[in-house]
Amino acid sequence: MKTMKHTVALMVLVGASSAFALDADFNTIDADGNGAISMEEASKYPELMSQFKDLDTDMNGELSEQEFAKAQ
C-alpha cells in the first residue's frame, strides 16, 4: 500500500512538471515582432516569468531568441 502511494505521488509530480512546460513559441510571445521578448510580453506567461531573470543572461531586460530557447 505504501508503494502504491509513492507511485501515485511520483506520477502527480511528473505530471505537474510537464504542465509547467512552456506551450508557446518565441514568435507568439514576441507580440510586437521586434525580435525580443520584453518583461511585459513575458508577463502573460507565468512559467516564463518565473525563469526570466535567469534566462536574461546579458541582463538587458529582454530575451533574445537564443536566451528564450533555454526555457524550452
N, C-alpha and C. Protein backbone atom coordinates (compact mmCIF):
# COMPACT_ATOMS: atom_id res chain seq x y z
N MET A 1 0.82 -1.20 0.00
CA MET A 1 0.00 0.00 0.00
C MET A 1 0.87 1.26 0.00
N LYS A 2 1.94 1.24 0.78
CA LYS A 2 2.84 2.39 0.84
C LYS A 2 3.49 2.64 -0.51
N THR A 3 3.86 1.56 -1.19
CA THR A 3 4.47 1.68 -2.51
C THR A 3 3.48 2.30 -3.50
N MET A 4 2.24 1.92 -3.39
CA MET A 4 1.20 2.46 -4.26
C MET A 4 1.07 3.97 -4.05
N LYS A 5 1.10 4.43 -2.82
CA LYS A 5 1.00 5.86 -2.53
C LYS A 5 2.21 6.61 -3.09
N HIS A 6 3.38 6.02 -2.96
CA HIS A 6 4.58 6.65 -3.50
C HIS A 6 4.52 6.72 -5.02
N THR A 7 4.02 5.67 -5.64
CA THR A 7 3.90 5.66 -7.10
C THR A 7 2.93 6.73 -7.57
N VAL A 8 1.81 6.86 -6.90
CA VAL A 8 0.82 7.88 -7.27
C VAL A 8 1.41 9.27 -7.06
N ALA A 9 2.11 9.48 -5.95
CA ALA A 9 2.73 10.78 -5.68
C ALA A 9 3.75 11.12 -6.76
N LEU A 10 4.52 10.15 -7.18
CA LEU A 10 5.51 10.37 -8.23
C LEU A 10 4.83 10.73 -9.55
N MET A 11 3.75 10.06 -9.86
CA MET A 11 3.02 10.34 -11.10
C MET A 11 2.47 11.76 -11.09
N VAL A 12 1.97 12.19 -9.97
CA VAL A 12 1.44 13.55 -9.84
C VAL A 12 2.56 14.56 -10.02
N LEU A 13 3.69 14.29 -9.42
CA LEU A 13 4.84 15.19 -9.52
C LEU A 13 5.33 15.30 -10.96
N VAL A 14 5.43 14.20 -11.65
CA VAL A 14 5.86 14.21 -13.05
C VAL A 14 4.84 14.95 -13.90
N GLY A 15 3.58 14.74 -13.65
CA GLY A 15 2.52 15.44 -14.38
C GLY A 15 2.59 16.93 -14.15
N ALA A 16 2.88 17.35 -12.94
CA ALA A 16 2.96 18.77 -12.62
C ALA A 16 4.14 19.41 -13.34
N SER A 17 5.26 18.71 -13.42
CA SER A 17 6.41 19.31 -14.09
C SER A 17 6.19 19.42 -15.59
N SER A 18 5.46 18.50 -16.20
CA SER A 18 5.18 18.63 -17.63
C SER A 18 4.14 19.71 -17.87
N ALA A 19 3.26 19.97 -16.92
CA ALA A 19 2.30 21.05 -17.06
C ALA A 19 3.00 22.40 -17.00
N PHE A 20 4.19 22.43 -16.43
CA PHE A 20 4.96 23.66 -16.31
C PHE A 20 5.64 24.03 -17.62
N ALA A 21 5.73 23.08 -18.52
CA ALA A 21 6.41 23.33 -19.79
C ALA A 21 5.75 24.48 -20.55
N LEU A 22 6.56 25.30 -21.16
CA LEU A 22 6.07 26.44 -21.91
C LEU A 22 5.38 25.96 -23.18
N ASP A 23 4.15 26.42 -23.39
CA ASP A 23 3.38 25.94 -24.53
C ASP A 23 3.23 26.97 -25.64
N ALA A 24 4.11 27.97 -25.69
CA ALA A 24 4.08 28.97 -26.74
C ALA A 24 5.49 29.13 -27.32
N ASP A 25 5.54 29.47 -28.59
CA ASP A 25 6.85 29.64 -29.20
C ASP A 25 7.29 31.11 -29.15
N PHE A 26 8.53 31.34 -29.51
CA PHE A 26 9.13 32.67 -29.42
C PHE A 26 8.30 33.72 -30.16
N ASN A 27 7.92 33.42 -31.39
CA ASN A 27 7.19 34.40 -32.20
C ASN A 27 5.82 34.72 -31.64
N THR A 28 5.20 33.77 -30.98
CA THR A 28 3.90 34.02 -30.36
C THR A 28 4.05 34.98 -29.18
N ILE A 29 5.07 34.76 -28.37
CA ILE A 29 5.28 35.59 -27.18
C ILE A 29 5.79 36.97 -27.57
N ASP A 30 6.63 37.04 -28.60
CA ASP A 30 7.15 38.32 -29.09
C ASP A 30 6.04 39.03 -29.89
N ALA A 31 5.05 39.54 -29.17
CA ALA A 31 3.83 40.08 -29.77
C ALA A 31 4.10 41.26 -30.72
N ASP A 32 5.09 42.08 -30.41
CA ASP A 32 5.35 43.24 -31.28
C ASP A 32 6.31 42.91 -32.43
N GLY A 33 6.83 41.69 -32.45
CA GLY A 33 7.67 41.23 -33.55
C GLY A 33 9.01 41.92 -33.68
N ASN A 34 9.53 42.46 -32.57
CA ASN A 34 10.81 43.18 -32.64
C ASN A 34 12.03 42.28 -32.45
N GLY A 35 11.82 40.97 -32.34
CA GLY A 35 12.95 40.05 -32.20
C GLY A 35 13.41 39.83 -30.78
N ALA A 36 12.65 40.32 -29.81
CA ALA A 36 12.99 40.13 -28.39
C ALA A 36 11.70 40.05 -27.58
N ILE A 37 11.76 39.33 -26.47
CA ILE A 37 10.62 39.22 -25.57
C ILE A 37 10.87 40.12 -24.37
N SER A 38 10.03 41.13 -24.24
CA SER A 38 10.14 42.05 -23.10
C SER A 38 9.51 41.41 -21.87
N MET A 39 9.77 42.02 -20.72
CA MET A 39 9.14 41.53 -19.49
C MET A 39 7.62 41.67 -19.59
N GLU A 40 7.16 42.72 -20.24
CA GLU A 40 5.72 42.91 -20.41
C GLU A 40 5.11 41.78 -21.23
N GLU A 41 5.77 41.41 -22.32
CA GLU A 41 5.28 40.30 -23.15
C GLU A 41 5.35 38.98 -22.37
N ALA A 42 6.42 38.77 -21.64
CA ALA A 42 6.59 37.53 -20.87
C ALA A 42 5.61 37.44 -19.71
N SER A 43 5.13 38.58 -19.23
CA SER A 43 4.24 38.58 -18.06
C SER A 43 2.94 37.82 -18.29
N LYS A 44 2.59 37.59 -19.54
CA LYS A 44 1.38 36.83 -19.87
C LYS A 44 1.60 35.32 -19.72
N TYR A 45 2.85 34.93 -19.45
CA TYR A 45 3.23 33.52 -19.33
C TYR A 45 3.95 33.31 -18.00
N PRO A 46 3.21 32.99 -16.93
CA PRO A 46 3.82 32.87 -15.61
C PRO A 46 5.01 31.91 -15.55
N GLU A 47 4.95 30.83 -16.34
CA GLU A 47 6.06 29.87 -16.34
C GLU A 47 7.32 30.49 -16.93
N LEU A 48 7.17 31.41 -17.87
CA LEU A 48 8.32 32.11 -18.42
C LEU A 48 8.81 33.19 -17.46
N MET A 49 7.89 33.91 -16.85
CA MET A 49 8.27 34.96 -15.91
C MET A 49 9.08 34.41 -14.74
N SER A 50 8.75 33.20 -14.31
CA SER A 50 9.47 32.62 -13.18
C SER A 50 10.93 32.33 -13.53
N GLN A 51 11.25 32.26 -14.83
CA GLN A 51 12.61 31.98 -15.27
C GLN A 51 13.29 33.19 -15.91
N PHE A 52 12.55 34.27 -16.09
CA PHE A 52 13.01 35.39 -16.91
C PHE A 52 14.39 35.89 -16.52
N LYS A 53 14.61 36.19 -15.25
CA LYS A 53 15.90 36.76 -14.83
C LYS A 53 17.06 35.81 -15.06
N ASP A 54 16.82 34.52 -14.88
CA ASP A 54 17.88 33.53 -15.12
C ASP A 54 18.18 33.39 -16.62
N LEU A 55 17.14 33.50 -17.44
CA LEU A 55 17.32 33.35 -18.89
C LEU A 55 17.95 34.59 -19.52
N ASP A 56 17.72 35.75 -18.94
CA ASP A 56 18.24 37.01 -19.48
C ASP A 56 19.72 37.14 -19.12
N THR A 57 20.56 36.36 -19.80
CA THR A 57 21.98 36.27 -19.43
C THR A 57 22.76 37.55 -19.69
N ASP A 58 22.33 38.35 -20.67
CA ASP A 58 23.03 39.62 -20.90
C ASP A 58 22.42 40.77 -20.08
N MET A 59 21.43 40.46 -19.30
CA MET A 59 20.78 41.38 -18.37
C MET A 59 20.33 42.69 -19.01
N ASN A 60 19.73 42.58 -20.20
CA ASN A 60 19.24 43.78 -20.87
C ASN A 60 17.73 43.97 -20.72
N GLY A 61 17.10 43.12 -19.92
CA GLY A 61 15.67 43.28 -19.65
C GLY A 61 14.75 42.68 -20.69
N GLU A 62 15.33 41.92 -21.62
CA GLU A 62 14.52 41.22 -22.61
C GLU A 62 15.23 39.93 -23.01
N LEU A 63 14.46 39.03 -23.61
CA LEU A 63 15.01 37.74 -24.02
C LEU A 63 15.18 37.68 -25.52
N SER A 64 16.37 37.33 -25.95
CA SER A 64 16.61 37.07 -27.37
C SER A 64 16.08 35.67 -27.68
N GLU A 65 16.04 35.34 -28.94
CA GLU A 65 15.58 34.00 -29.31
C GLU A 65 16.50 32.93 -28.73
N GLN A 66 17.81 33.21 -28.67
CA GLN A 66 18.75 32.25 -28.11
C GLN A 66 18.54 32.08 -26.60
N GLU A 67 18.30 33.18 -25.91
CA GLU A 67 18.05 33.09 -24.47
C GLU A 67 16.75 32.34 -24.21
N PHE A 68 15.73 32.65 -24.98
CA PHE A 68 14.42 32.01 -24.83
C PHE A 68 14.53 30.50 -25.07
N ALA A 69 15.36 30.07 -26.00
CA ALA A 69 15.50 28.66 -26.34
C ALA A 69 15.87 27.82 -25.12
N LYS A 70 16.54 28.41 -24.17
CA LYS A 70 16.95 27.68 -22.96
C LYS A 70 15.78 27.40 -22.04
N ALA A 71 14.65 28.08 -22.24
CA ALA A 71 13.46 27.87 -21.41
C ALA A 71 12.69 26.63 -21.83
N GLN A 72 12.93 26.17 -23.02
CA GLN A 72 12.13 25.05 -23.54
C GLN A 72 12.78 23.76 -23.30
